[in-house]
């Protein structure tokens, strides 16, 4: 069974497509935060950002940048909110970037996440683990 984004990419499900390349599709979210809320997804199924091949990283970010600019030009937005969920809060199990038009005073509030603290020496240990994972050699 394919997810709805695969179905949109294949044309099985209709969507308000705003851009399409050989590898990516951008379409309006059917339940927008604000009108113009655009989703950008790879055409072939990719679960999360962690699964995205390097060859698609630049095209995905470039199209995201273009869409963000288009929301300003087309809708008079003052800026945008750009986000990717990975697994948690990912309502469709297919990588997608949210580009939401923003205007000062639009009422959208930031995220309210619980905060925690590192124990003594713990922050350095976490930094070392992450740095080693980024540079395994």
C-alpha atoms as a PDB file:
ATOM      1  CA  UNK A   1       0.000   0.000   0.000  1.00  0.00           C
ATOM      2  CA  UNK A   2       1.388   3.394  -0.937  1.00  0.00           C
ATOM      3  CA  UNK A   3       1.034   6.558   1.107  1.00  0.00           C
ATOM      4  CA  UNK A   4      -0.992   9.533  -0.065  1.00  0.00           C
ATOM      5  CA  UNK A   5       2.117  11.464  -1.163  1.00  0.00           C
ATOM      6  CA  UNK A   6       3.154   8.601  -3.453  1.00  0.00           C
ATOM      7  CA  UNK A   7      -0.388   8.645  -4.805  1.00  0.00           C
ATOM      8  CA  UNK A   8      -0.214  12.398  -5.384  1.00  0.00           C
ATOM      9  CA  UNK A   9       3.156  12.034  -7.133  1.00  0.00           C
ATOM     10  CA  UNK A  10       1.779   9.289  -9.404  1.00  0.00           C
ATOM     11  CA  UNK A  11      -1.408  11.214 -10.180  1.00  0.00           C
ATOM     12  CA  UNK A  12      -3.708   8.706  -8.442  1.00  0.00           C
ATOM     13  CA  UNK A  13      -4.809  11.400  -5.983  1.00  0.00           C
ATOM     14  CA  UNK A  14      -5.303  14.989  -7.075  1.00  0.00           C
ATOM     15  CA  UNK A  15      -3.568  17.867  -5.339  1.00  0.00           C
ATOM     16  CA  UNK A  16      -2.943  21.536  -5.948  1.00  0.00           C
ATOM     17  CA  UNK A  17       0.573  21.123  -7.354  1.00  0.00           C
ATOM     18  CA  UNK A  18       2.688  24.276  -7.384  1.00  0.00           C
ATOM     19  CA  UNK A  19       5.919  22.783  -8.737  1.00  0.00           C
ATOM     20  CA  UNK A  20       7.274  19.497 -10.013  1.00  0.00           C
ATOM     21  CA  UNK A  21      10.700  18.340 -11.092  1.00  0.00           C
ATOM     22  CA  UNK A  22      11.939  14.892 -12.077  1.00  0.00           C
ATOM     23  CA  UNK A  23      12.546  14.152  -8.384  1.00  0.00           C
ATOM     24  CA  UNK A  24      10.336  16.457  -6.308  1.00  0.00           C
ATOM     25  CA  UNK A  25       6.759  17.626  -6.074  1.00  0.00           C
ATOM     26  CA  UNK A  26       5.396  20.664  -4.225  1.00  0.00           C
ATOM     27  CA  UNK A  27       1.704  20.973  -3.477  1.00  0.00           C
ATOM     28  CA  UNK A  28      -0.620  22.796  -1.124  1.00  0.00           C
ATOM     29  CA  UNK A  29      -1.453  21.172   2.194  1.00  0.00           C
ATOM     30  CA  UNK A  30      -5.158  20.375   2.261  1.00  0.00           C
ATOM     31  CA  UNK A  31      -5.300  21.400   5.929  1.00  0.00           C
ATOM     32  CA  UNK A  32      -3.032  24.467   5.944  1.00  0.00           C
ATOM     33  CA  UNK A  33      -1.749  26.325   8.952  1.00  0.00           C
ATOM     34  CA  UNK A  34      -2.263  29.381   6.744  1.00  0.00           C
ATOM     35  CA  UNK A  35      -3.441  29.522   3.154  1.00  0.00           C
ATOM     36  CA  UNK A  36      -0.485  28.833   0.883  1.00  0.00           C
ATOM     37  CA  UNK A  37       1.044  26.225   3.247  1.00  0.00           C
ATOM     38  CA  UNK A  38       3.058  24.116   0.822  1.00  0.00           C
ATOM     39  CA  UNK A  39       4.462  20.606   1.163  1.00  0.00           C
ATOM     40  CA  UNK A  40       7.552  19.552  -0.781  1.00  0.00           C
ATOM     41  CA  UNK A  41       8.198  15.835  -1.114  1.00  0.00           C
ATOM     42  CA  UNK A  42      10.401  13.495  -3.110  1.00  0.00           C
ATOM     43  CA  UNK A  43       8.469  11.777  -5.879  1.00  0.00           C
ATOM     44  CA  UNK A  44       9.900   8.385  -5.031  1.00  0.00           C
ATOM     45  CA  UNK A  45       9.061   7.143  -1.571  1.00  0.00           C
ATOM     46  CA  UNK A  46      11.532   8.185   1.105  1.00  0.00           C
ATOM     47  CA  UNK A  47      10.488   7.781   4.740  1.00  0.00           C
ATOM     48  CA  UNK A  48      12.466  10.483   6.567  1.00  0.00           C
ATOM     49  CA  UNK A  49      15.229  13.029   6.190  1.00  0.00           C
ATOM     50  CA  UNK A  50      17.645  10.389   7.467  1.00  0.00           C
ATOM     51  CA  UNK A  51      16.816   8.275   4.396  1.00  0.00           C
ATOM     52  CA  UNK A  52      17.242  11.101   1.865  1.00  0.00           C
ATOM     53  CA  UNK A  53      20.131  10.429  -0.527  1.00  0.00           C
ATOM     54  CA  UNK A  54      22.756  13.169  -0.756  1.00  0.00           C
ATOM     55  CA  UNK A  55      21.896  13.644  -4.429  1.00  0.00           C
ATOM     56  CA  UNK A  56      18.464  14.957  -3.431  1.00  0.00           C
ATOM     57  CA  UNK A  57      19.581  17.145  -0.525  1.00  0.00           C
ATOM     58  CA  UNK A  58      20.467  20.206  -2.600  1.00  0.00           C
ATOM     59  CA  UNK A  59      17.479  19.933  -4.956  1.00  0.00           C
ATOM     60  CA  UNK A  60      15.120  19.594  -1.975  1.00  0.00           C
ATOM     61  CA  UNK A  61      16.555  22.615  -0.190  1.00  0.00           C
ATOM     62  CA  UNK A  62      16.697  24.624  -3.422  1.00  0.00           C
ATOM     63  CA  UNK A  63      13.033  23.992  -4.165  1.00  0.00           C
ATOM     64  CA  UNK A  64      12.190  24.803  -0.539  1.00  0.00           C
ATOM     65  CA  UNK A  65      14.029  28.118  -0.913  1.00  0.00           C
ATOM     66  CA  UNK A  66      12.200  28.874  -4.141  1.00  0.00           C
ATOM     67  CA  UNK A  67       8.816  28.090  -2.585  1.00  0.00           C
ATOM     68  CA  UNK A  68       9.601  30.286   0.438  1.00  0.00           C
ATOM     69  CA  UNK A  69      10.376  33.162  -1.925  1.00  0.00           C
ATOM     70  CA  UNK A  70       7.271  32.493  -3.953  1.00  0.00           C
ATOM     71  CA  UNK A  71       5.060  32.758  -0.863  1.00  0.00           C
ATOM     72  CA  UNK A  72       6.436  36.244  -0.283  1.00  0.00           C
ATOM     73  CA  UNK A  73       6.012  37.265  -3.911  1.00  0.00           C
ATOM     74  CA  UNK A  74       2.639  35.630  -4.556  1.00  0.00           C
ATOM     75  CA  UNK A  75       0.897  36.090  -1.209  1.00  0.00           C
ATOM     76  CA  UNK A  76       2.582  39.112   0.290  1.00  0.00           C
ATOM     77  CA  UNK A  77       3.901  37.013   3.172  1.00  0.00           C
ATOM     78  CA  UNK A  78       6.657  38.648   5.174  1.00  0.00           C
ATOM     79  CA  UNK A  79       8.504  35.379   5.648  1.00  0.00           C
ATOM     80  CA  UNK A  80       7.967  31.687   6.179  1.00  0.00           C
ATOM     81  CA  UNK A  81       8.187  28.840   8.638  1.00  0.00           C
ATOM     82  CA  UNK A  82      10.047  25.825   7.237  1.00  0.00           C
ATOM     83  CA  UNK A  83       9.950  22.469   9.020  1.00  0.00           C
ATOM     84  CA  UNK A  84      10.499  18.733   8.613  1.00  0.00           C
ATOM     85  CA  UNK A  85       9.189  16.159  11.067  1.00  0.00           C
ATOM     86  CA  UNK A  86      10.991  12.830  11.339  1.00  0.00           C
ATOM     87  CA  UNK A  87       8.748  10.017  12.564  1.00  0.00           C
ATOM     88  CA  UNK A  88       7.323  11.927  15.571  1.00  0.00           C
ATOM     89  CA  UNK A  89       4.516  14.225  14.364  1.00  0.00           C
ATOM     90  CA  UNK A  90       5.065  12.987  10.797  1.00  0.00           C
ATOM     91  CA  UNK A  91       1.422  12.471   9.824  1.00  0.00           C
ATOM     92  CA  UNK A  92       2.323  10.936   6.454  1.00  0.00           C
ATOM     93  CA  UNK A  93       5.235   8.453   6.506  1.00  0.00           C
ATOM     94  CA  UNK A  94       6.896  10.093   3.485  1.00  0.00           C
ATOM     95  CA  UNK A  95       9.546  12.810   3.798  1.00  0.00           C
ATOM     96  CA  UNK A  96       8.077  16.255   3.271  1.00  0.00           C
ATOM     97  CA  UNK A  97       9.039  19.831   4.019  1.00  0.00           C
ATOM     98  CA  UNK A  98       6.411  22.262   5.284  1.00  0.00           C
ATOM     99  CA  UNK A  99       6.728  25.824   3.998  1.00  0.00           C
ATOM    100  CA  UNK A 100       4.199  28.002   5.777  1.00  0.00           C
ATOM    101  CA  UNK A 101       3.722  31.668   4.865  1.00  0.00           C
ATOM    102  CA  UNK A 102       4.150  33.996   7.835  1.00  0.00           C
ATOM    103  CA  UNK A 103       3.186  37.558   8.570  1.00  0.00           C
ATOM    104  CA  UNK A 104       3.995  39.490  11.727  1.00  0.00           C
ATOM    105  CA  UNK A 105       1.072  39.189  14.117  1.00  0.00           C
ATOM    106  CA  UNK A 106      -0.422  36.149  12.345  1.00  0.00           C
ATOM    107  CA  UNK A 107      -1.017  34.460  15.700  1.00  0.00           C
ATOM    108  CA  UNK A 108       1.241  31.444  15.178  1.00  0.00           C
ATOM    109  CA  UNK A 109       3.152  30.820  18.383  1.00  0.00           C
ATOM    110  CA  UNK A 110       6.457  29.019  18.820  1.00  0.00           C
ATOM    111  CA  UNK A 111       6.812  25.483  20.070  1.00  0.00           C
ATOM    112  CA  UNK A 112       6.481  24.920  23.795  1.00  0.00           C
ATOM    113  CA  UNK A 113       8.769  21.977  24.518  1.00  0.00           C
ATOM    114  CA  UNK A 114       9.692  20.769  27.990  1.00  0.00           C
ATOM    115  CA  UNK A 115      13.242  21.714  28.977  1.00  0.00           C
ATOM    116  CA  UNK A 116      15.819  19.641  30.769  1.00  0.00           C
ATOM    117  CA  UNK A 117      19.346  20.126  32.062  1.00  0.00           C
ATOM    118  CA  UNK A 118      22.618  18.258  31.589  1.00  0.00           C
ATOM    119  CA  UNK A 119      24.377  16.849  34.640  1.00  0.00           C
ATOM    120  CA  UNK A 120      27.971  17.910  35.257  1.00  0.00           C
ATOM    121  CA  UNK A 121      30.185  16.752  32.379  1.00  0.00           C
ATOM    122  CA  UNK A 122      27.245  15.280  30.488  1.00  0.00           C
ATOM    123  CA  UNK A 123      27.067  17.990  27.818  1.00  0.00           C
ATOM    124  CA  UNK A 124      30.670  17.322  26.754  1.00  0.00           C
ATOM    125  CA  UNK A 125      29.987  13.575  26.589  1.00  0.00           C
ATOM    126  CA  UNK A 126      26.963  14.097  24.360  1.00  0.00           C
ATOM    127  CA  UNK A 127      28.915  16.489  22.135  1.00  0.00           C
ATOM    128  CA  UNK A 128      31.705  13.941  21.753  1.00  0.00           C
ATOM    129  CA  UNK A 129      29.285  11.134  20.847  1.00  0.00           C
ATOM    130  CA  UNK A 130      27.558  13.268  18.220  1.00  0.00           C
ATOM    131  CA  UNK A 131      30.848  14.594  16.790  1.00  0.00           C
ATOM    132  CA  UNK A 132      32.171  11.052  16.463  1.00  0.00           C
ATOM    133  CA  UNK A 133      28.976   9.947  14.717  1.00  0.00           C
ATOM    134  CA  UNK A 134      29.318  12.832  12.267  1.00  0.00           C
ATOM    135  CA  UNK A 135      33.013  12.128  11.654  1.00  0.00           C
ATOM    136  CA  UNK A 136      33.499   8.364  12.065  1.00  0.00           C
ATOM    137  CA  UNK A 137      37.071   8.341  10.659  1.00  0.00           C
END
